[in-house]
Amino acid sequence: MELTAAEQELYSRHLLLDGFDQEKVKQAFVAVRGKGAAARWAARYLAASGVGGLQVEEPGFCTELLALAPQLRLSGSDPAPFVCAPCGDGPADGARAAIDTLRQIAAPEIAGAERRGPAT
């Protein structure tokens, strides 16, 4: 499944990342666990990153997610091969969980790599 010209423009920053496969993200279906703020932010970040489908536990998230990413498939019952389960209750916790999930999807060879801090 190739990216359209519009998708290439939309995800141009992702395409600059070495080893990051945006086409895999587009095909991925992710279950976001939780109903709090972290889960909402994780779902937002995943939708904005171009995942193909999301399963959320909170139905109230759906309208916002579809407004953010109209191409998004939402499902409440299909099994999802990827699970995003944020720990904590803030936006940063949701972002961290979304990034970890995107690494598993788009760059599995670096998903388990040790995280590095800023260069000193």
C-alpha atoms as a PDB file:
ATOM      1  CA  MET A   1       0.000   0.000   0.000  1.00  0.00           C
ATOM      2  CA  GLU A   2       1.812   3.068  -1.250  1.00  0.00           C
ATOM      3  CA  LEU A   3       1.423   6.556   0.143  1.00  0.00           C
ATOM      4  CA  THR A   4      -0.400   9.105  -1.986  1.00  0.00           C
ATOM      5  CA  ALA A   5       1.233  12.426  -2.842  1.00  0.00           C
ATOM      6  CA  ALA A   6      -0.926  14.137  -0.215  1.00  0.00           C
ATOM      7  CA  GLU A   7       0.118  11.576   2.410  1.00  0.00           C
ATOM      8  CA  GLN A   8       3.771  12.003   1.460  1.00  0.00           C
ATOM      9  CA  GLU A   9       3.419  15.732   2.085  1.00  0.00           C
ATOM     10  CA  LEU A  10       1.458  15.236   5.313  1.00  0.00           C
ATOM     11  CA  TYR A  11       3.957  12.752   6.746  1.00  0.00           C
ATOM     12  CA  SER A  12       7.089  14.281   5.183  1.00  0.00           C
ATOM     13  CA  ARG A  13       8.837  14.565   8.554  1.00  0.00           C
ATOM     14  CA  HIS A  14       8.234  10.890   9.289  1.00  0.00           C
ATOM     15  CA  LEU A  15       9.683   9.980   5.905  1.00  0.00           C
ATOM     16  CA  LEU A  16      12.938  11.695   6.866  1.00  0.00           C
ATOM     17  CA  LEU A  17      13.462   9.328   9.800  1.00  0.00           C
ATOM     18  CA  ASP A  18      15.920   6.590   8.928  1.00  0.00           C
ATOM     19  CA  GLY A  19      14.313   3.172   9.311  1.00  0.00           C
ATOM     20  CA  PHE A  20      10.767   4.504   9.897  1.00  0.00           C
ATOM     21  CA  ASP A  21       8.205   2.865   7.600  1.00  0.00           C
ATOM     22  CA  GLN A  22       5.143   5.125   7.231  1.00  0.00           C
ATOM     23  CA  GLU A  23       3.426   2.560   4.999  1.00  0.00           C
ATOM     24  CA  LYS A  24       3.432   0.095   7.914  1.00  0.00           C
ATOM     25  CA  VAL A  25       1.898   2.785  10.123  1.00  0.00           C
ATOM     26  CA  LYS A  26      -0.828   3.380   7.538  1.00  0.00           C
ATOM     27  CA  GLN A  27      -1.693  -0.335   7.560  1.00  0.00           C
ATOM     28  CA  ALA A  28      -1.542  -0.757  11.347  1.00  0.00           C
ATOM     29  CA  PHE A  29      -4.490  -1.244  13.661  1.00  0.00           C
ATOM     30  CA  VAL A  30      -3.884  -0.267  17.294  1.00  0.00           C
ATOM     31  CA  ALA A  31      -5.935  -0.786  20.442  1.00  0.00           C
ATOM     32  CA  VAL A  32      -5.589   2.095  22.916  1.00  0.00           C
ATOM     33  CA  ARG A  33      -6.272   0.942  26.467  1.00  0.00           C
ATOM     34  CA  GLY A  34      -7.739   3.272  29.047  1.00  0.00           C
ATOM     35  CA  LYS A  35     -10.285   6.052  29.291  1.00  0.00           C
ATOM     36  CA  GLY A  36      -8.264   8.843  30.895  1.00  0.00           C
ATOM     37  CA  ALA A  37      -6.242  11.767  29.612  1.00  0.00           C
ATOM     38  CA  ALA A  38      -3.185   9.675  28.736  1.00  0.00           C
ATOM     39  CA  ALA A  39      -5.280   7.309  26.606  1.00  0.00           C
ATOM     40  CA  ARG A  40      -6.950  10.257  24.864  1.00  0.00           C
ATOM     41  CA  TRP A  41      -3.568  11.843  24.070  1.00  0.00           C
ATOM     42  CA  ALA A  42      -2.118   8.529  22.903  1.00  0.00           C
ATOM     43  CA  ALA A  43      -5.088   8.063  20.551  1.00  0.00           C
ATOM     44  CA  ARG A  44      -4.678  11.635  19.267  1.00  0.00           C
ATOM     45  CA  TYR A  45      -0.972  11.150  18.573  1.00  0.00           C
ATOM     46  CA  LEU A  46      -1.530   7.807  16.855  1.00  0.00           C
ATOM     47  CA  ALA A  47      -4.332   9.218  14.680  1.00  0.00           C
ATOM     48  CA  ALA A  48      -2.218  12.238  13.725  1.00  0.00           C
ATOM     49  CA  SER A  49       0.697   9.915  12.929  1.00  0.00           C
ATOM     50  CA  GLY A  50      -1.385   8.164  10.304  1.00  0.00           C
ATOM     51  CA  VAL A  51      -2.295   4.793  11.802  1.00  0.00           C
ATOM     52  CA  GLY A  52      -4.897   3.045   9.692  1.00  0.00           C
ATOM     53  CA  GLY A  53      -7.197   2.052  12.516  1.00  0.00           C
ATOM     54  CA  LEU A  54      -7.793   2.544  16.210  1.00  0.00           C
ATOM     55  CA  GLN A  55      -9.787   0.733  18.814  1.00  0.00           C
ATOM     56  CA  VAL A  56     -10.559   2.935  21.817  1.00  0.00           C
ATOM     57  CA  GLU A  57     -12.296   2.039  25.063  1.00  0.00           C
ATOM     58  CA  GLU A  58     -13.907   5.468  25.414  1.00  0.00           C
ATOM     59  CA  PRO A  59     -16.590   6.109  22.737  1.00  0.00           C
ATOM     60  CA  GLY A  60     -16.396   9.832  23.487  1.00  0.00           C
ATOM     61  CA  PHE A  61     -12.979   9.972  21.778  1.00  0.00           C
ATOM     62  CA  CYS A  62     -14.327   8.896  18.378  1.00  0.00           C
ATOM     63  CA  THR A  63     -15.731  12.201  17.082  1.00  0.00           C
ATOM     64  CA  GLU A  64     -12.517  14.050  17.912  1.00  0.00           C
ATOM     65  CA  LEU A  65     -10.328  11.352  16.349  1.00  0.00           C
ATOM     66  CA  LEU A  66     -12.323  11.300  13.112  1.00  0.00           C
ATOM     67  CA  ALA A  67     -12.116  15.099  12.911  1.00  0.00           C
ATOM     68  CA  LEU A  68      -8.339  14.842  13.329  1.00  0.00           C
ATOM     69  CA  ALA A  69      -7.897  11.983  10.854  1.00  0.00           C
ATOM     70  CA  PRO A  70     -10.934  11.423   8.565  1.00  0.00           C
ATOM     71  CA  GLN A  71      -9.330   8.346   6.930  1.00  0.00           C
ATOM     72  CA  LEU A  72      -9.112   6.591  10.313  1.00  0.00           C
ATOM     73  CA  ARG A  73     -10.999   3.309  10.786  1.00  0.00           C
ATOM     74  CA  LEU A  74     -12.484   2.990  14.258  1.00  0.00           C
ATOM     75  CA  SER A  75     -13.600  -0.297  15.746  1.00  0.00           C
ATOM     76  CA  GLY A  76     -14.684  -1.400  19.161  1.00  0.00           C
ATOM     77  CA  SER A  77     -14.484  -5.153  18.825  1.00  0.00           C
ATOM     78  CA  ASP A  78     -11.935  -6.287  16.237  1.00  0.00           C
ATOM     79  CA  PRO A  79      -8.730  -7.712  17.688  1.00  0.00           C
ATOM     80  CA  ALA A  80      -5.817  -5.329  17.233  1.00  0.00           C
ATOM     81  CA  PRO A  81      -2.287  -6.633  16.608  1.00  0.00           C
ATOM     82  CA  PHE A  82      -0.755  -3.648  18.442  1.00  0.00           C
ATOM     83  CA  VAL A  83      -1.723  -2.385  21.896  1.00  0.00           C
ATOM     84  CA  CYS A  84      -0.981   1.051  23.316  1.00  0.00           C
ATOM     85  CA  ALA A  85      -1.484   1.117  27.081  1.00  0.00           C
ATOM     86  CA  PRO A  86      -0.358   4.428  28.578  1.00  0.00           C
ATOM     87  CA  CYS A  87       0.850   4.398  32.182  1.00  0.00           C
ATOM     88  CA  GLY A  88       0.063   7.598  34.022  1.00  0.00           C
ATOM     89  CA  ASP A  89      -2.576  10.196  33.379  1.00  0.00           C
ATOM     90  CA  GLY A  90      -1.075  13.113  31.478  1.00  0.00           C
ATOM     91  CA  PRO A  91      -0.364  14.134  27.897  1.00  0.00           C
ATOM     92  CA  ALA A  92       3.326  13.223  28.217  1.00  0.00           C
ATOM     93  CA  ASP A  93       2.383   9.707  29.321  1.00  0.00           C
ATOM     94  CA  GLY A  94       0.120   9.360  26.284  1.00  0.00           C
ATOM     95  CA  ALA A  95       2.838  10.696  23.975  1.00  0.00           C
ATOM     96  CA  ARG A  96       5.403   8.257  25.387  1.00  0.00           C
ATOM     97  CA  ALA A  97       3.047   5.301  24.895  1.00  0.00           C
ATOM     98  CA  ALA A  98       2.164   6.405  21.348  1.00  0.00           C
ATOM     99  CA  ILE A  99       5.835   6.783  20.395  1.00  0.00           C
ATOM    100  CA  ASP A 100       6.673   3.352  21.800  1.00  0.00           C
ATOM    101  CA  THR A 101       3.793   1.849  19.805  1.00  0.00           C
ATOM    102  CA  LEU A 102       4.867   3.625  16.605  1.00  0.00           C
ATOM    103  CA  ARG A 103       8.391   2.255  17.084  1.00  0.00           C
ATOM    104  CA  GLN A 104       6.983  -1.278  17.336  1.00  0.00           C
ATOM    105  CA  ILE A 105       5.007  -0.778  14.134  1.00  0.00           C
ATOM    106  CA  ALA A 106       7.292   1.227  11.880  1.00  0.00           C
ATOM    107  CA  ALA A 107      10.791   0.484  13.127  1.00  0.00           C
ATOM    108  CA  PRO A 108      10.776  -2.824  15.009  1.00  0.00           C
ATOM    109  CA  GLU A 109      14.544  -3.183  14.717  1.00  0.00           C
ATOM    110  CA  ILE A 110      15.003  -0.071  16.860  1.00  0.00           C
ATOM    111  CA  ALA A 111      11.946  -0.505  19.103  1.00  0.00           C
ATOM    112  CA  GLY A 112      13.945  -2.357  21.741  1.00  0.00           C
ATOM    113  CA  ALA A 113      17.042  -0.204  21.368  1.00  0.00           C
ATOM    114  CA  GLU A 114      18.183   1.714  24.405  1.00  0.00           C
ATOM    115  CA  ARG A 115      16.837   5.237  24.461  1.00  0.00           C
ATOM    116  CA  ARG A 116      19.453   7.924  24.347  1.00  0.00           C
ATOM    117  CA  GLY A 117      19.274  11.271  26.018  1.00  0.00           C
ATOM    118  CA  PRO A 118      20.418  14.539  24.485  1.00  0.00           C
ATOM    119  CA  ALA A 119      24.058  14.791  23.516  1.00  0.00           C
ATOM    120  CA  THR A 120      26.214  16.506  26.081  1.00  0.00           C
END
